[in-house]
Amino acid sequence: MPYLFINAHHVARWRGNCLVRFGDPDTADDLRSALAGMDGTYNRAESGVRCDLGHALLAAGDPEAAQPHIHRAQQLATMTGSRRQRRRIDELSKAVNRALGR
């Protein structure tokens, strides 16, 4: 039988991923919760959470706080070889740089 394990951190990650796409800056708390619950074994998922968190922080008007999450997401996406994730991170990084006037 298939085995599926979902805990509060998984739900927070998926919820945050959905809400950030609507521009909801309040989703940063969900994403922080998801990040806190990660055990470091799912680099691709962590990269996605950090990218979403960077997006939420940018939407909340805090591009400086978004930078370290975007940088770490970039490192993880490079490790996993995810081109889709790297494209997403590159676009977000450009948006943060514009917000910072760079």
PDB file of N, CA and C in Angstrom:
ATOM      1  N   MET A   1       0.830  -1.177   0.000  1.00  0.00           N
ATOM      2  CA  MET A   1       0.000   0.000   0.000  1.00  0.00           C
ATOM      3  C   MET A   1       0.882   1.251   0.000  1.00  0.00           C
ATOM      4  N   PRO A   2       0.440   2.279  -0.682  1.00  0.00           N
ATOM      5  CA  PRO A   2       1.196   3.539  -0.670  1.00  0.00           C
ATOM      6  C   PRO A   2       1.163   4.160   0.716  1.00  0.00           C
ATOM      7  N   TYR A   3       2.209   4.856   1.010  1.00  0.00           N
ATOM      8  CA  TYR A   3       2.329   5.506   2.317  1.00  0.00           C
ATOM      9  C   TYR A   3       2.434   7.008   2.090  1.00  0.00           C
ATOM     10  N   LEU A   4       1.612   7.743   2.780  1.00  0.00           N
ATOM     11  CA  LEU A   4       1.619   9.195   2.669  1.00  0.00           C
ATOM     12  C   LEU A   4       1.692   9.774   4.067  1.00  0.00           C
ATOM     13  N   PHE A   5       2.673  10.641   4.264  1.00  0.00           N
ATOM     14  CA  PHE A   5       2.860  11.272   5.562  1.00  0.00           C
ATOM     15  C   PHE A   5       2.731  12.774   5.390  1.00  0.00           C
ATOM     16  N   ILE A   6       1.775  13.356   6.078  1.00  0.00           N
ATOM     17  CA  ILE A   6       1.580  14.807   6.023  1.00  0.00           C
ATOM     18  C   ILE A   6       1.518  15.321   7.453  1.00  0.00           C
ATOM     19  N   ASN A   7       2.353  16.303   7.735  1.00  0.00           N
ATOM     20  CA  ASN A   7       2.290  16.927   9.055  1.00  0.00           C
ATOM     21  C   ASN A   7       1.995  18.413   8.891  1.00  0.00           C
ATOM     22  N   ALA A   8       1.973  19.129   9.978  1.00  0.00           N
ATOM     23  CA  ALA A   8       1.625  20.557   9.945  1.00  0.00           C
ATOM     24  C   ALA A   8       2.605  21.361   9.102  1.00  0.00           C
ATOM     25  N   HIS A   9       3.863  20.948   9.074  1.00  0.00           N
ATOM     26  CA  HIS A   9       4.852  21.680   8.289  1.00  0.00           C
ATOM     27  C   HIS A   9       4.635  21.497   6.787  1.00  0.00           C
ATOM     28  N   HIS A  10       4.223  20.296   6.389  1.00  0.00           N
ATOM     29  CA  HIS A  10       3.901  20.058   4.979  1.00  0.00           C
ATOM     30  C   HIS A  10       2.715  20.924   4.555  1.00  0.00           C
ATOM     31  N   VAL A  11       1.711  20.948   5.391  1.00  0.00           N
ATOM     32  CA  VAL A  11       0.516  21.745   5.082  1.00  0.00           C
ATOM     33  C   VAL A  11       0.885  23.225   5.007  1.00  0.00           C
ATOM     34  N   ALA A  12       1.716  23.694   5.928  1.00  0.00           N
ATOM     35  CA  ALA A  12       2.143  25.100   5.914  1.00  0.00           C
ATOM     36  C   ALA A  12       2.917  25.410   4.634  1.00  0.00           C
ATOM     37  N   ARG A  13       3.750  24.485   4.186  1.00  0.00           N
ATOM     38  CA  ARG A  13       4.528  24.682   2.955  1.00  0.00           C
ATOM     39  C   ARG A  13       3.599  24.800   1.757  1.00  0.00           C
ATOM     40  N   TRP A  14       2.652  23.896   1.651  1.00  0.00           N
ATOM     41  CA  TRP A  14       1.739  23.918   0.503  1.00  0.00           C
ATOM     42  C   TRP A  14       0.797  25.110   0.562  1.00  0.00           C
ATOM     43  N   ARG A  15       0.322  25.433   1.764  1.00  0.00           N
ATOM     44  CA  ARG A  15      -0.555  26.590   1.932  1.00  0.00           C
ATOM     45  C   ARG A  15       0.191  27.867   1.557  1.00  0.00           C
ATOM     46  N   GLY A  16       1.414  27.994   2.056  1.00  0.00           N
ATOM     47  CA  GLY A  16       2.225  29.162   1.747  1.00  0.00           C
ATOM     48  C   GLY A  16       2.507  29.285   0.268  1.00  0.00           C
ATOM     49  N   ASN A  17       2.785  28.164  -0.383  1.00  0.00           N
ATOM     50  CA  ASN A  17       3.044  28.176  -1.823  1.00  0.00           C
ATOM     51  C   ASN A  17       1.844  28.682  -2.600  1.00  0.00           C
ATOM     52  N   CYS A  18       0.666  28.298  -2.176  1.00  0.00           N
ATOM     53  CA  CYS A  18      -0.556  28.764  -2.854  1.00  0.00           C
ATOM     54  C   CYS A  18      -0.824  30.238  -2.579  1.00  0.00           C
ATOM     55  N   LEU A  19      -0.752  30.643  -1.327  1.00  0.00           N
ATOM     56  CA  LEU A  19      -1.103  32.018  -0.961  1.00  0.00           C
ATOM     57  C   LEU A  19      -0.118  33.051  -1.497  1.00  0.00           C
ATOM     58  N   VAL A  20       1.151  32.678  -1.601  1.00  0.00           N
ATOM     59  CA  VAL A  20       2.142  33.634  -2.105  1.00  0.00           C
ATOM     60  C   VAL A  20       1.855  33.966  -3.570  1.00  0.00           C
ATOM     61  N   ARG A  21       1.261  33.054  -4.281  1.00  0.00           N
ATOM     62  CA  ARG A  21       0.931  33.299  -5.689  1.00  0.00           C
ATOM     63  C   ARG A  21      -0.183  34.335  -5.841  1.00  0.00           C
ATOM     64  N   PHE A  22      -0.936  34.543  -4.773  1.00  0.00           N
ATOM     65  CA  PHE A  22      -1.973  35.580  -4.774  1.00  0.00           C
ATOM     66  C   PHE A  22      -1.449  36.890  -4.200  1.00  0.00           C
ATOM     67  N   GLY A  23      -0.156  36.913  -3.848  1.00  0.00           N
ATOM     68  CA  GLY A  23       0.446  38.126  -3.320  1.00  0.00           C
ATOM     69  C   GLY A  23       0.150  38.380  -1.861  1.00  0.00           C
ATOM     70  N   ASP A  24      -0.214  37.348  -1.130  1.00  0.00           N
ATOM     71  CA  ASP A  24      -0.549  37.490   0.289  1.00  0.00           C
ATOM     72  C   ASP A  24       0.724  37.567   1.128  1.00  0.00           C
ATOM     73  N   PRO A  25       1.088  38.747   1.624  1.00  0.00           N
ATOM     74  CA  PRO A  25       2.322  38.866   2.405  1.00  0.00           C
ATOM     75  C   PRO A  25       2.241  38.160   3.758  1.00  0.00           C
ATOM     76  N   ASP A  26       1.045  37.909   4.261  1.00  0.00           N
ATOM     77  CA  ASP A  26       0.893  37.244   5.562  1.00  0.00           C
ATOM     78  C   ASP A  26       1.290  35.778   5.535  1.00  0.00           C
ATOM     79  N   THR A  27       1.491  35.237   4.355  1.00  0.00           N
ATOM     80  CA  THR A  27       1.867  33.835   4.250  1.00  0.00           C
ATOM     81  C   THR A  27       3.291  33.581   4.725  1.00  0.00           C
ATOM     82  N   ALA A  28       4.058  34.631   4.979  1.00  0.00           N
ATOM     83  CA  ALA A  28       5.435  34.461   5.445  1.00  0.00           C
ATOM     84  C   ALA A  28       5.482  33.642   6.737  1.00  0.00           C
ATOM     85  N   ASP A  29       4.506  33.805   7.608  1.00  0.00           N
ATOM     86  CA  ASP A  29       4.493  33.029   8.856  1.00  0.00           C
ATOM     87  C   ASP A  29       4.335  31.537   8.582  1.00  0.00           C
ATOM     88  N   ASP A  30       3.449  31.187   7.646  1.00  0.00           N
ATOM     89  CA  ASP A  30       3.292  29.777   7.270  1.00  0.00           C
ATOM     90  C   ASP A  30       4.602  29.224   6.717  1.00  0.00           C
ATOM     91  N   LEU A  31       5.247  30.007   5.881  1.00  0.00           N
ATOM     92  CA  LEU A  31       6.482  29.548   5.253  1.00  0.00           C
ATOM     93  C   LEU A  31       7.619  29.433   6.257  1.00  0.00           C
ATOM     94  N   ARG A  32       7.661  30.336   7.205  1.00  0.00           N
ATOM     95  CA  ARG A  32       8.676  30.227   8.274  1.00  0.00           C
ATOM     96  C   ARG A  32       8.439  28.961   9.099  1.00  0.00           C
ATOM     97  N   SER A  33       7.178  28.661   9.364  1.00  0.00           N
ATOM     98  CA  SER A  33       6.832  27.445  10.099  1.00  0.00           C
ATOM     99  C   SER A  33       7.258  26.207   9.316  1.00  0.00           C
ATOM    100  N   ALA A  34       6.997  26.228   8.032  1.00  0.00           N
ATOM    101  CA  ALA A  34       7.392  25.101   7.186  1.00  0.00           C
ATOM    102  C   ALA A  34       8.903  24.935   7.178  1.00  0.00           C
ATOM    103  N   LEU A  35       9.618  26.037   7.091  1.00  0.00           N
ATOM    104  CA  LEU A  35      11.075  25.999   7.070  1.00  0.00           C
ATOM    105  C   LEU A  35      11.628  25.462   8.382  1.00  0.00           C
ATOM    106  N   ALA A  36      11.026  25.877   9.490  1.00  0.00           N
ATOM    107  CA  ALA A  36      11.466  25.408  10.803  1.00  0.00           C
ATOM    108  C   ALA A  36      11.271  23.901  10.958  1.00  0.00           C
ATOM    109  N   GLY A  37      10.278  23.347  10.277  1.00  0.00           N
ATOM    110  CA  GLY A  37       9.985  21.933  10.406  1.00  0.00           C
ATOM    111  C   GLY A  37      10.733  21.044   9.433  1.00  0.00           C
ATOM    112  N   MET A  38      11.532  21.633   8.575  1.00  0.00           N
ATOM    113  CA  MET A  38      12.278  20.825   7.602  1.00  0.00           C
ATOM    114  C   MET A  38      13.520  20.251   8.262  1.00  0.00           C
ATOM    115  N   ASP A  39      13.859  19.021   7.864  1.00  0.00           N
ATOM    116  CA  ASP A  39      14.987  18.350   8.509  1.00  0.00           C
ATOM    117  C   ASP A  39      16.266  18.378   7.684  1.00  0.00           C
ATOM    118  N   GLY A  40      16.278  19.109   6.586  1.00  0.00           N
ATOM    119  CA  GLY A  40      17.488  19.240   5.786  1.00  0.00           C
ATOM    120  C   GLY A  40      17.715  18.141   4.774  1.00  0.00           C
ATOM    121  N   THR A  41      16.768  17.231   4.619  1.00  0.00           N
ATOM    122  CA  THR A  41      16.952  16.130   3.669  1.00  0.00           C
ATOM    123  C   THR A  41      16.250  16.372   2.334  1.00  0.00           C
ATOM    124  N   TYR A  42      15.405  17.385   2.266  1.00  0.00           N
ATOM    125  CA  TYR A  42      14.665  17.654   1.036  1.00  0.00           C
ATOM    126  C   TYR A  42      15.096  19.001   0.465  1.00  0.00           C
ATOM    127  N   ASN A  43      16.232  19.000  -0.226  1.00  0.00           N
ATOM    128  CA  ASN A  43      16.792  20.243  -0.742  1.00  0.00           C
ATOM    129  C   ASN A  43      15.873  20.939  -1.734  1.00  0.00           C
ATOM    130  N   ARG A  44      15.222  20.177  -2.587  1.00  0.00           N
ATOM    131  CA  ARG A  44      14.333  20.777  -3.583  1.00  0.00           C
ATOM    132  C   ARG A  44      13.143  21.463  -2.898  1.00  0.00           C
ATOM    133  N   ALA A  45      12.579  20.799  -1.899  1.00  0.00           N
ATOM    134  CA  ALA A  45      11.451  21.387  -1.172  1.00  0.00           C
ATOM    135  C   ALA A  45      11.899  22.623  -0.392  1.00  0.00           C
ATOM    136  N   GLU A  46      13.068  22.552   0.228  1.00  0.00           N
ATOM    137  CA  GLU A  46      13.563  23.711   0.972  1.00  0.00           C
ATOM    138  C   GLU A  46      13.826  24.883   0.038  1.00  0.00           C
ATOM    139  N   SER A  47      14.352  24.590  -1.136  1.00  0.00           N
ATOM    140  CA  SER A  47      14.575  25.648  -2.118  1.00  0.00           C
ATOM    141  C   SER A  47      13.260  26.334  -2.478  1.00  0.00           C
ATOM    142  N   GLY A  48      12.217  25.540  -2.671  1.00  0.00           N
ATOM    143  CA  GLY A  48      10.906  26.095  -2.991  1.00  0.00           C
ATOM    144  C   GLY A  48      10.332  26.933  -1.860  1.00  0.00           C
ATOM    145  N   VAL A  49      10.487  26.454  -0.636  1.00  0.00           N
ATOM    146  CA  VAL A  49       9.983  27.199   0.519  1.00  0.00           C
ATOM    147  C   VAL A  49      10.725  28.521   0.654  1.00  0.00           C
ATOM    148  N   ARG A  50      12.031  28.494   0.497  1.00  0.00           N
ATOM    149  CA  ARG A  50      12.815  29.721   0.611  1.00  0.00           C
ATOM    150  C   ARG A  50      12.481  30.704  -0.517  1.00  0.00           C
ATOM    151  N   CYS A  51      12.243  30.193  -1.694  1.00  0.00           N
ATOM    152  CA  CYS A  51      11.837  31.054  -2.810  1.00  0.00           C
ATOM    153  C   CYS A  51      10.483  31.686  -2.504  1.00  0.00           C
ATOM    154  N   ASP A  52       9.545  30.893  -2.031  1.00  0.00           N
ATOM    155  CA  ASP A  52       8.223  31.411  -1.666  1.00  0.00           C
ATOM    156  C   ASP A  52       8.323  32.427  -0.536  1.00  0.00           C
ATOM    157  N   LEU A  53       9.176  32.149   0.444  1.00  0.00           N
ATOM    158  CA  LEU A  53       9.347  33.070   1.556  1.00  0.00           C
ATOM    159  C   LEU A  53       9.953  34.394   1.073  1.00  0.00           C
ATOM    160  N   GLY A  54      10.930  34.308   0.191  1.00  0.00           N
ATOM    161  CA  GLY A  54      11.490  35.522  -0.389  1.00  0.00           C
ATOM    162  C   GLY A  54      10.435  36.326  -1.118  1.00  0.00           C
ATOM    163  N   HIS A  55       9.572  35.637  -1.845  1.00  0.00           N
ATOM    164  CA  HIS A  55       8.473  36.289  -2.570  1.00  0.00           C
ATOM    165  C   HIS A  55       7.512  36.967  -1.589  1.00  0.00           C
ATOM    166  N   ALA A  56       7.173  36.279  -0.515  1.00  0.00           N
ATOM    167  CA  ALA A  56       6.254  36.837   0.484  1.00  0.00           C
ATOM    168  C   ALA A  56       6.862  38.056   1.159  1.00  0.00           C
ATOM    169  N   LEU A  57       8.147  37.994   1.475  1.00  0.00           N
ATOM    170  CA  LEU A  57       8.808  39.129   2.116  1.00  0.00           C
ATOM    171  C   LEU A  57       8.898  40.319   1.164  1.00  0.00           C
ATOM    172  N   LEU A  58       9.121  40.048  -0.100  1.00  0.00           N
ATOM    173  CA  LEU A  58       9.124  41.122  -1.098  1.00  0.00           C
ATOM    174  C   LEU A  58       7.736  41.747  -1.188  1.00  0.00           C
ATOM    175  N   ALA A  59       6.701  40.925  -1.197  1.00  0.00           N
ATOM    176  CA  ALA A  59       5.321  41.433  -1.254  1.00  0.00           C
ATOM    177  C   ALA A  59       4.979  42.241  -0.006  1.00  0.00           C
ATOM    178  N   ALA A  60       5.616  41.908   1.122  1.00  0.00           N
ATOM    179  CA  ALA A  60       5.380  42.639   2.364  1.00  0.00           C
ATOM    180  C   ALA A  60       6.220  43.917   2.441  1.00  0.00           C
ATOM    181  N   GLY A  61       7.016  44.162   1.403  1.00  0.00           N
ATOM    182  CA  GLY A  61       7.819  45.378   1.357  1.00  0.00           C
ATOM    183  C   GLY A  61       9.151  45.279   2.072  1.00  0.00           C
ATOM    184  N   ASP A  62       9.682  44.061   2.216  1.00  0.00           N
ATOM    185  CA  ASP A  62      10.952  43.873   2.911  1.00  0.00           C
ATOM    186  C   ASP A  62      11.939  43.095   2.026  1.00  0.00           C
ATOM    187  N   PRO A  63      12.414  43.730   0.946  1.00  0.00           N
ATOM    188  CA  PRO A  63      13.313  43.017   0.033  1.00  0.00           C
ATOM    189  C   PRO A  63      14.641  42.627   0.678  1.00  0.00           C
ATOM    190  N   GLU A  64      15.100  43.383   1.670  1.00  0.00           N
ATOM    191  CA  GLU A  64      16.361  43.033   2.336  1.00  0.00           C
ATOM    192  C   GLU A  64      16.240  41.709   3.093  1.00  0.00           C
ATOM    193  N   ALA A  65      15.099  41.485   3.721  1.00  0.00           N
ATOM    194  CA  ALA A  65      14.883  40.226   4.436  1.00  0.00           C
ATOM    195  C   ALA A  65      14.742  39.058   3.460  1.00  0.00           C
ATOM    196  N   ALA A  66      14.319  39.350   2.247  1.00  0.00           N
ATOM    197  CA  ALA A  66      14.142  38.303   1.241  1.00  0.00           C
ATOM    198  C   ALA A  66      15.478  37.788   0.700  1.00  0.00           C
ATOM    199  N   GLN A  67      16.484  38.640   0.687  1.00  0.00           N
ATOM    200  CA  GLN A  67      17.762  38.291   0.061  1.00  0.00           C
ATOM    201  C   GLN A  67      18.417  37.014   0.572  1.00  0.00           C
ATOM    202  N   PRO A  68      18.574  36.807   1.882  1.00  0.00           N
ATOM    203  CA  PRO A  68      19.249  35.575   2.318  1.00  0.00           C
ATOM    204  C   PRO A  68      18.479  34.305   1.941  1.00  0.00           C
ATOM    205  N   HIS A  69      17.156  34.384   1.931  1.00  0.00           N
ATOM    206  CA  HIS A  69      16.360  33.216   1.547  1.00  0.00           C
ATOM    207  C   HIS A  69      16.524  32.914   0.063  1.00  0.00           C
ATOM    208  N   ILE A  70      16.561  33.957  -0.734  1.00  0.00           N
ATOM    209  CA  ILE A  70      16.745  33.775  -2.172  1.00  0.00           C
ATOM    210  C   ILE A  70      18.129  33.208  -2.459  1.00  0.00           C
ATOM    211  N   HIS A  71      19.126  33.714  -1.759  1.00  0.00           N
ATOM    212  CA  HIS A  71      20.494  33.219  -1.956  1.00  0.00           C
ATOM    213  C   HIS A  71      20.592  31.730  -1.609  1.00  0.00           C
ATOM    214  N   ARG A  72      20.011  31.341  -0.477  1.00  0.00           N
ATOM    215  CA  ARG A  72      20.053  29.927  -0.078  1.00  0.00           C
ATOM    216  C   ARG A  72      19.236  29.071  -1.044  1.00  0.00           C
ATOM    217  N   ALA A  73      18.101  29.584  -1.490  1.00  0.00           N
ATOM    218  CA  ALA A  73      17.291  28.846  -2.470  1.00  0.00           C
ATOM    219  C   ALA A  73      18.090  28.605  -3.740  1.00  0.00           C
ATOM    220  N   GLN A  74      18.864  29.608  -4.135  1.00  0.00           N
ATOM    221  CA  GLN A  74      19.691  29.492  -5.332  1.00  0.00           C
ATOM    222  C   GLN A  74      20.744  28.396  -5.163  1.00  0.00           C
ATOM    223  N   GLN A  75      21.381  28.361  -4.001  1.00  0.00           N
ATOM    224  CA  GLN A  75      22.374  27.320  -3.726  1.00  0.00           C
ATOM    225  C   GLN A  75      21.747  25.933  -3.788  1.00  0.00           C
ATOM    226  N   LEU A  76      20.595  25.778  -3.159  1.00  0.00           N
ATOM    227  CA  LEU A  76      19.923  24.478  -3.129  1.00  0.00           C
ATOM    228  C   LEU A  76      19.459  24.055  -4.515  1.00  0.00           C
ATOM    229  N   ALA A  77      18.936  25.000  -5.290  1.00  0.00           N
ATOM    230  CA  ALA A  77      18.474  24.679  -6.642  1.00  0.00           C
ATOM    231  C   ALA A  77      19.645  24.261  -7.527  1.00  0.00           C
ATOM    232  N   THR A  78      20.796  24.856  -7.310  1.00  0.00           N
ATOM    233  CA  THR A  78      21.989  24.460  -8.057  1.00  0.00           C
ATOM    234  C   THR A  78      22.410  23.043  -7.678  1.00  0.00           C
ATOM    235  N   MET A  79      22.336  22.735  -6.379  1.00  0.00           N
ATOM    236  CA  MET A  79      22.684  21.388  -5.915  1.00  0.00           C
ATOM    237  C   MET A  79      21.762  20.331  -6.508  1.00  0.00           C
ATOM    238  N   THR A  80      20.480  20.637  -6.604  1.00  0.00           N
ATOM    239  CA  THR A  80      19.527  19.644  -7.093  1.00  0.00           C
ATOM    240  C   THR A  80      19.435  19.630  -8.614  1.00  0.00           C
ATOM    241  N   GLY A  81      19.944  20.676  -9.249  1.00  0.00           N
ATOM    242  CA  GLY A  81      19.906  20.737 -10.716  1.00  0.00           C
ATOM    243  C   GLY A  81      18.541  21.127 -11.261  1.00  0.00           C
ATOM    244  N   SER A  82      17.731  21.775 -10.466  1.00  0.00           N
ATOM    245  CA  SER A  82      16.379  22.144 -10.893  1.00  0.00           C
ATOM    246  C   SER A  82      16.405  23.436 -11.722  1.00  0.00           C
ATOM    247  N   ARG A  83      16.262  23.300 -13.013  1.00  0.00           N
ATOM    248  CA  ARG A  83      16.250  24.482 -13.889  1.00  0.00           C
ATOM    249  C   ARG A  83      14.995  25.315 -13.663  1.00  0.00           C
ATOM    250  N   ARG A  84      13.872  24.661 -13.443  1.00  0.00           N
ATOM    251  CA  ARG A  84      12.625  25.390 -13.203  1.00  0.00           C
ATOM    252  C   ARG A  84      12.751  26.253 -11.954  1.00  0.00           C
ATOM    253  N   GLN A  85      13.298  25.668 -10.902  1.00  0.00           N
ATOM    254  CA  GLN A  85      13.460  26.410  -9.654  1.00  0.00           C
ATOM    255  C   GLN A  85      14.464  27.555  -9.833  1.00  0.00           C
ATOM    256  N   ARG A  86      15.547  27.306 -10.565  1.00  0.00           N
ATOM    257  CA  ARG A  86      16.546  28.359 -10.781  1.00  0.00           C
ATOM    258  C   ARG A  86      15.959  29.518 -11.577  1.00  0.00           C
ATOM    259  N   ARG A  87      15.132  29.224 -12.569  1.00  0.00           N
ATOM    260  CA  ARG A  87      14.473  30.303 -13.340  1.00  0.00           C
ATOM    261  C   ARG A  87      13.579  31.126 -12.418  1.00  0.00           C
ATOM    262  N   ARG A  88      12.827  30.456 -11.608  1.00  0.00           N
ATOM    263  CA  ARG A  88      11.939  31.133 -10.672  1.00  0.00           C
ATOM    264  C   ARG A  88      12.729  32.022  -9.704  1.00  0.00           C
ATOM    265  N   ILE A  89      13.827  31.506  -9.209  1.00  0.00           N
ATOM    266  CA  ILE A  89      14.667  32.247  -8.279  1.00  0.00           C
ATOM    267  C   ILE A  89      15.325  33.432  -8.975  1.00  0.00           C
ATOM    268  N   ASP A  90      15.780  33.245 -10.198  1.00  0.00           N
ATOM    269  CA  ASP A  90      16.387  34.347 -10.953  1.00  0.00           C
ATOM    270  C   ASP A  90      15.400  35.488 -11.153  1.00  0.00           C
ATOM    271  N   GLU A  91      14.164  35.161 -11.497  1.00  0.00           N
ATOM    272  CA  GLU A  91      13.140  36.202 -11.675  1.00  0.00           C
ATOM    273  C   GLU A  91      12.882  36.939 -10.360  1.00  0.00           C
ATOM    274  N   LEU A  92      12.797  36.195  -9.280  1.00  0.00           N
ATOM    275  CA  LEU A  92      12.571  36.801  -7.969  1.00  0.00           C
ATOM    276  C   LEU A  92      13.762  37.665  -7.558  1.00  0.00           C
ATOM    277  N   SER A  93      14.950  37.193  -7.833  1.00  0.00           N
ATOM    278  CA  SER A  93      16.154  37.947  -7.505  1.00  0.00           C
ATOM    279  C   SER A  93      16.180  39.282  -8.252  1.00  0.00           C
ATOM    280  N   LYS A  94      15.781  39.273  -9.502  1.00  0.00           N
ATOM    281  CA  LYS A  94      15.708  40.515 -10.283  1.00  0.00           C
ATOM    282  C   LYS A  94      14.685  41.472  -9.674  1.00  0.00           C
ATOM    283  N   ALA A  95      13.555  40.942  -9.247  1.00  0.00           N
ATOM    284  CA  ALA A  95      12.520  41.782  -8.637  1.00  0.00           C
ATOM    285  C   ALA A  95      13.021  42.398  -7.331  1.00  0.00           C
ATOM    286  N   VAL A  96      13.755  41.624  -6.544  1.00  0.00           N
ATOM    287  CA  VAL A  96      14.321  42.145  -5.295  1.00  0.00           C
ATOM    288  C   VAL A  96      15.349  43.230  -5.598  1.00  0.00           C
ATOM    289  N   ASN A  97      16.193  43.007  -6.585  1.00  0.00           N
ATOM    290  CA  ASN A  97      17.192  44.016  -6.943  1.00  0.00           C
ATOM    291  C   ASN A  97      16.515  45.301  -7.425  1.00  0.00           C
ATOM    292  N   ARG A  98      15.438  45.185  -8.169  1.00  0.00           N
ATOM    293  CA  ARG A  98      14.698  46.391  -8.604  1.00  0.00           C
ATOM    294  C   ARG A  98      14.142  47.113  -7.382  1.00  0.00           C
ATOM    295  N   ALA A  99      13.589  46.362  -6.442  1.00  0.00           N
ATOM    296  CA  ALA A  99      13.023  46.969  -5.240  1.00  0.00           C
ATOM    297  C   ALA A  99      14.089  47.671  -4.403  1.00  0.00           C
ATOM    298  N   LEU A 100      15.314  47.175  -4.480  1.00  0.00           N
ATOM    299  CA  LEU A 100      16.419  47.776  -3.740  1.00  0.00           C
ATOM    300  C   LEU A 100      17.110  48.875  -4.536  1.00  0.00           C
ATOM    301  N   GLY A 101      16.638  49.114  -5.752  1.00  0.00           N
ATOM    302  CA  GLY A 101      17.207  50.170  -6.585  1.00  0.00           C
ATOM    303  C   GLY A 101      18.530  49.817  -7.218  1.00  0.00           C
ATOM    304  N   ARG A 102      18.731  48.554  -7.491  1.00  0.00           N
ATOM    305  CA  ARG A 102      19.999  48.097  -8.105  1.00  0.00           C
ATOM    306  C   ARG A 102      19.820  47.803  -9.569  1.00  0.00           C
TER     307      ARG A 102
END
